[in-house]
Amino acid sequence: MTNPFENRAVSLSGPTQDILPVTPNDAADLSDVAVALYAETGGSIAFVTASGQSRTVSVSDFSILPVGVQRVLATGTTASGIHAFMVS
């Protein structure tokens, strides 16, 4: 099988290396900072940005939120099926 990512440098402007399911948690950060979030079912997403700011945004079904995220908070998050786009 050919792997098109094999000799490619990791880039914030290119496709991500992986997408991981997120369980919102008020106390624990993601394993790495995500470059974006994807929500299957719309609602509110409360999160802490890569720069440490707390934000809450409303998203519709099947939305991509292109912002660096270090934590998705349980309190205030009503969207579901959240996944983190990871570059590493």
N, C-alpha and C. Protein backbone atom coordinates (compact mmCIF):
# COMPACT_ATOMS: atom_id res chain seq x y z
N MET A 1 0.85 -1.17 0.00
CA MET A 1 0.00 0.00 0.00
C MET A 1 0.89 1.23 0.00
N THR A 2 0.57 2.20 -0.81
CA THR A 2 1.29 3.46 -0.86
C THR A 2 0.71 4.41 0.18
N ASN A 3 1.58 5.07 0.93
CA ASN A 3 1.16 6.04 1.94
C ASN A 3 1.56 7.43 1.46
N PRO A 4 0.61 8.27 1.04
CA PRO A 4 0.95 9.60 0.53
C PRO A 4 1.49 10.54 1.60
N PHE A 5 1.35 10.19 2.87
CA PHE A 5 1.84 11.02 3.96
C PHE A 5 3.27 10.66 4.38
N GLU A 6 3.78 9.56 3.86
CA GLU A 6 5.06 9.01 4.31
C GLU A 6 6.22 10.01 4.26
N ASN A 7 6.37 10.74 3.19
CA ASN A 7 7.49 11.67 3.04
C ASN A 7 7.04 13.12 3.10
N ARG A 8 5.89 13.35 3.66
CA ARG A 8 5.33 14.70 3.71
C ARG A 8 5.58 15.32 5.08
N ALA A 9 6.02 16.57 5.08
CA ALA A 9 6.21 17.30 6.33
C ALA A 9 4.84 17.66 6.92
N VAL A 10 4.75 17.62 8.23
CA VAL A 10 3.51 18.00 8.91
C VAL A 10 3.28 19.49 8.69
N SER A 11 2.03 19.85 8.33
CA SER A 11 1.72 21.24 8.02
C SER A 11 0.35 21.61 8.58
N LEU A 12 0.23 22.83 9.07
CA LEU A 12 -1.07 23.30 9.55
C LEU A 12 -2.00 23.62 8.39
N SER A 13 -1.46 23.83 7.20
CA SER A 13 -2.29 24.18 6.06
C SER A 13 -2.72 22.97 5.24
N GLY A 14 -2.18 21.80 5.54
CA GLY A 14 -2.51 20.60 4.78
C GLY A 14 -3.45 19.70 5.54
N PRO A 15 -3.69 18.53 5.01
CA PRO A 15 -4.58 17.60 5.72
C PRO A 15 -3.95 17.15 7.03
N THR A 16 -4.79 16.84 7.99
CA THR A 16 -4.29 16.39 9.28
C THR A 16 -3.83 14.94 9.19
N GLN A 17 -3.04 14.53 10.15
CA GLN A 17 -2.53 13.17 10.20
C GLN A 17 -3.55 12.21 10.80
N ASP A 18 -4.44 12.73 11.67
CA ASP A 18 -5.39 11.86 12.36
C ASP A 18 -6.56 12.69 12.85
N ILE A 19 -7.65 12.02 13.17
CA ILE A 19 -8.81 12.64 13.80
C ILE A 19 -9.21 11.74 14.97
N LEU A 20 -9.36 12.35 16.14
CA LEU A 20 -9.62 11.59 17.36
C LEU A 20 -10.94 11.99 18.00
N PRO A 21 -11.71 11.02 18.50
CA PRO A 21 -12.94 11.38 19.21
C PRO A 21 -12.61 12.13 20.50
N VAL A 22 -13.47 13.08 20.84
CA VAL A 22 -13.26 13.91 22.02
C VAL A 22 -14.37 13.64 23.02
N THR A 23 -13.98 13.40 24.27
CA THR A 23 -14.93 13.37 25.38
C THR A 23 -14.73 14.66 26.15
N PRO A 24 -15.71 15.57 26.10
CA PRO A 24 -15.54 16.83 26.81
C PRO A 24 -15.22 16.60 28.29
N ASN A 25 -14.30 17.41 28.82
CA ASN A 25 -13.81 17.24 30.19
C ASN A 25 -13.38 18.59 30.71
N ASP A 26 -13.91 18.98 31.86
CA ASP A 26 -13.57 20.29 32.43
C ASP A 26 -12.18 20.35 33.02
N ALA A 27 -11.54 19.21 33.27
CA ALA A 27 -10.25 19.21 33.97
C ALA A 27 -9.07 18.73 33.14
N ALA A 28 -9.31 18.06 32.03
CA ALA A 28 -8.20 17.45 31.28
C ALA A 28 -8.08 18.02 29.87
N ASP A 29 -6.84 18.34 29.49
CA ASP A 29 -6.55 18.79 28.13
C ASP A 29 -6.58 17.62 27.17
N LEU A 30 -6.68 17.92 25.88
CA LEU A 30 -6.51 16.91 24.85
C LEU A 30 -5.07 16.40 24.89
N SER A 31 -4.80 15.29 24.27
CA SER A 31 -3.44 14.73 24.28
C SER A 31 -2.44 15.66 23.61
N ASP A 32 -2.86 16.38 22.58
CA ASP A 32 -2.10 17.42 21.89
C ASP A 32 -3.08 18.51 21.50
N VAL A 33 -2.59 19.68 21.20
CA VAL A 33 -3.48 20.76 20.73
C VAL A 33 -4.03 20.36 19.36
N ALA A 34 -5.34 20.45 19.23
CA ALA A 34 -6.01 20.15 17.97
C ALA A 34 -5.95 21.39 17.07
N VAL A 35 -5.87 21.18 15.76
CA VAL A 35 -5.88 22.30 14.83
C VAL A 35 -7.30 22.69 14.42
N ALA A 36 -8.27 21.82 14.72
CA ALA A 36 -9.67 22.09 14.42
C ALA A 36 -10.52 21.06 15.14
N LEU A 37 -11.81 21.36 15.25
CA LEU A 37 -12.78 20.41 15.79
C LEU A 37 -13.85 20.15 14.74
N TYR A 38 -14.42 18.96 14.79
CA TYR A 38 -15.53 18.57 13.94
C TYR A 38 -16.66 18.12 14.85
N ALA A 39 -17.88 18.59 14.60
CA ALA A 39 -19.04 18.17 15.39
C ALA A 39 -20.06 17.51 14.47
N GLU A 40 -20.46 16.29 14.80
CA GLU A 40 -21.47 15.59 14.02
C GLU A 40 -22.86 16.17 14.26
N THR A 41 -23.17 16.46 15.53
CA THR A 41 -24.47 17.02 15.90
C THR A 41 -24.25 18.40 16.50
N GLY A 42 -24.94 19.38 15.96
CA GLY A 42 -24.75 20.77 16.36
C GLY A 42 -25.19 21.06 17.79
N GLY A 43 -24.79 22.23 18.23
CA GLY A 43 -25.08 22.72 19.57
C GLY A 43 -23.97 23.68 19.95
N SER A 44 -23.72 23.81 21.22
CA SER A 44 -22.64 24.67 21.70
C SER A 44 -21.40 23.84 21.98
N ILE A 45 -20.24 24.43 21.71
CA ILE A 45 -18.97 23.83 22.10
C ILE A 45 -18.24 24.85 22.95
N ALA A 46 -17.98 24.46 24.20
CA ALA A 46 -17.19 25.28 25.12
C ALA A 46 -15.78 24.71 25.12
N PHE A 47 -14.79 25.58 24.95
CA PHE A 47 -13.42 25.08 24.82
C PHE A 47 -12.41 26.12 25.29
N VAL A 48 -11.18 25.66 25.45
CA VAL A 48 -10.04 26.53 25.75
C VAL A 48 -9.16 26.52 24.51
N THR A 49 -8.86 27.72 23.99
CA THR A 49 -8.06 27.82 22.77
C THR A 49 -6.60 27.49 23.05
N ALA A 50 -5.85 27.34 21.97
CA ALA A 50 -4.41 27.08 22.07
C ALA A 50 -3.71 28.21 22.81
N SER A 51 -4.28 29.41 22.78
CA SER A 51 -3.68 30.55 23.49
C SER A 51 -4.20 30.71 24.91
N GLY A 52 -5.06 29.75 25.36
CA GLY A 52 -5.52 29.76 26.75
C GLY A 52 -6.80 30.53 27.02
N GLN A 53 -7.49 30.95 25.99
CA GLN A 53 -8.73 31.71 26.16
C GLN A 53 -9.94 30.78 26.18
N SER A 54 -10.90 31.06 27.05
CA SER A 54 -12.14 30.27 27.11
C SER A 54 -13.14 30.86 26.12
N ARG A 55 -13.74 29.98 25.33
CA ARG A 55 -14.71 30.40 24.32
C ARG A 55 -15.87 29.41 24.28
N THR A 56 -17.03 29.91 23.87
CA THR A 56 -18.18 29.05 23.59
C THR A 56 -18.77 29.51 22.27
N VAL A 57 -18.95 28.58 21.34
CA VAL A 57 -19.53 28.90 20.04
C VAL A 57 -20.64 27.91 19.73
N SER A 58 -21.58 28.35 18.92
CA SER A 58 -22.64 27.48 18.45
C SER A 58 -22.28 26.98 17.06
N VAL A 59 -22.48 25.70 16.84
CA VAL A 59 -22.19 25.10 15.54
C VAL A 59 -23.41 24.30 15.07
N SER A 60 -23.51 24.15 13.77
CA SER A 60 -24.59 23.33 13.20
C SER A 60 -24.10 21.90 13.01
N ASP A 61 -24.98 21.03 12.60
CA ASP A 61 -24.60 19.64 12.32
C ASP A 61 -23.48 19.60 11.28
N PHE A 62 -22.56 18.67 11.46
CA PHE A 62 -21.46 18.42 10.52
C PHE A 62 -20.58 19.66 10.30
N SER A 63 -20.26 20.36 11.40
CA SER A 63 -19.45 21.58 11.32
C SER A 63 -17.99 21.32 11.62
N ILE A 64 -17.14 22.09 10.95
CA ILE A 64 -15.72 22.12 11.26
C ILE A 64 -15.42 23.48 11.84
N LEU A 65 -14.77 23.48 13.00
CA LEU A 65 -14.41 24.71 13.70
C LEU A 65 -12.89 24.85 13.61
N PRO A 66 -12.38 25.71 12.72
CA PRO A 66 -10.94 25.79 12.47
C PRO A 66 -10.22 26.70 13.47
N VAL A 67 -10.02 26.18 14.66
CA VAL A 67 -9.33 26.94 15.71
C VAL A 67 -8.49 25.97 16.54
N GLY A 68 -7.33 26.41 16.99
CA GLY A 68 -6.50 25.59 17.86
C GLY A 68 -7.17 25.41 19.21
N VAL A 69 -7.30 24.16 19.65
CA VAL A 69 -8.03 23.85 20.89
C VAL A 69 -7.18 22.94 21.77
N GLN A 70 -7.04 23.33 23.05
CA GLN A 70 -6.31 22.47 23.98
C GLN A 70 -7.23 21.69 24.91
N ARG A 71 -8.48 22.17 25.09
CA ARG A 71 -9.43 21.45 25.95
C ARG A 71 -10.85 21.72 25.48
N VAL A 72 -11.68 20.68 25.44
CA VAL A 72 -13.11 20.82 25.18
C VAL A 72 -13.80 20.59 26.52
N LEU A 73 -14.54 21.59 26.95
CA LEU A 73 -15.16 21.56 28.28
C LEU A 73 -16.50 20.82 28.26
N ALA A 74 -16.76 20.07 29.31
CA ALA A 74 -18.05 19.40 29.46
C ALA A 74 -19.14 20.42 29.79
N THR A 75 -18.80 21.34 30.69
CA THR A 75 -19.75 22.38 31.09
C THR A 75 -19.94 23.35 29.93
N GLY A 76 -21.15 23.44 29.43
CA GLY A 76 -21.45 24.36 28.34
C GLY A 76 -21.44 23.72 26.96
N THR A 77 -20.97 22.47 26.85
CA THR A 77 -20.94 21.79 25.55
C THR A 77 -22.20 20.94 25.40
N THR A 78 -22.96 21.24 24.34
CA THR A 78 -24.16 20.47 24.04
C THR A 78 -24.04 19.75 22.69
N ALA A 79 -23.09 20.16 21.87
CA ALA A 79 -22.84 19.46 20.60
C ALA A 79 -22.31 18.07 20.91
N SER A 80 -22.47 17.15 19.98
CA SER A 80 -21.97 15.79 20.22
C SER A 80 -21.28 15.25 18.97
N GLY A 81 -20.65 14.10 19.15
CA GLY A 81 -19.89 13.53 18.06
C GLY A 81 -18.71 14.42 17.69
N ILE A 82 -18.04 14.94 18.72
CA ILE A 82 -16.93 15.88 18.50
C ILE A 82 -15.64 15.10 18.26
N HIS A 83 -14.90 15.54 17.27
CA HIS A 83 -13.61 14.94 16.94
C HIS A 83 -12.58 16.06 16.81
N ALA A 84 -11.34 15.75 17.18
CA ALA A 84 -10.24 16.70 17.08
C ALA A 84 -9.37 16.36 15.90
N PHE A 85 -9.04 17.35 15.08
CA PHE A 85 -8.11 17.18 13.97
C PHE A 85 -6.70 17.35 14.53
N MET A 86 -5.85 16.33 14.36
CA MET A 86 -4.50 16.34 14.94
C MET A 86 -3.45 16.30 13.83
N VAL A 87 -2.35 17.04 14.03
CA VAL A 87 -1.27 17.00 13.04
C VAL A 87 -0.12 16.11 13.47
N SER A 88 -0.11 15.69 14.71
CA SER A 88 0.98 14.80 15.14
C SER A 88 0.44 13.48 15.62
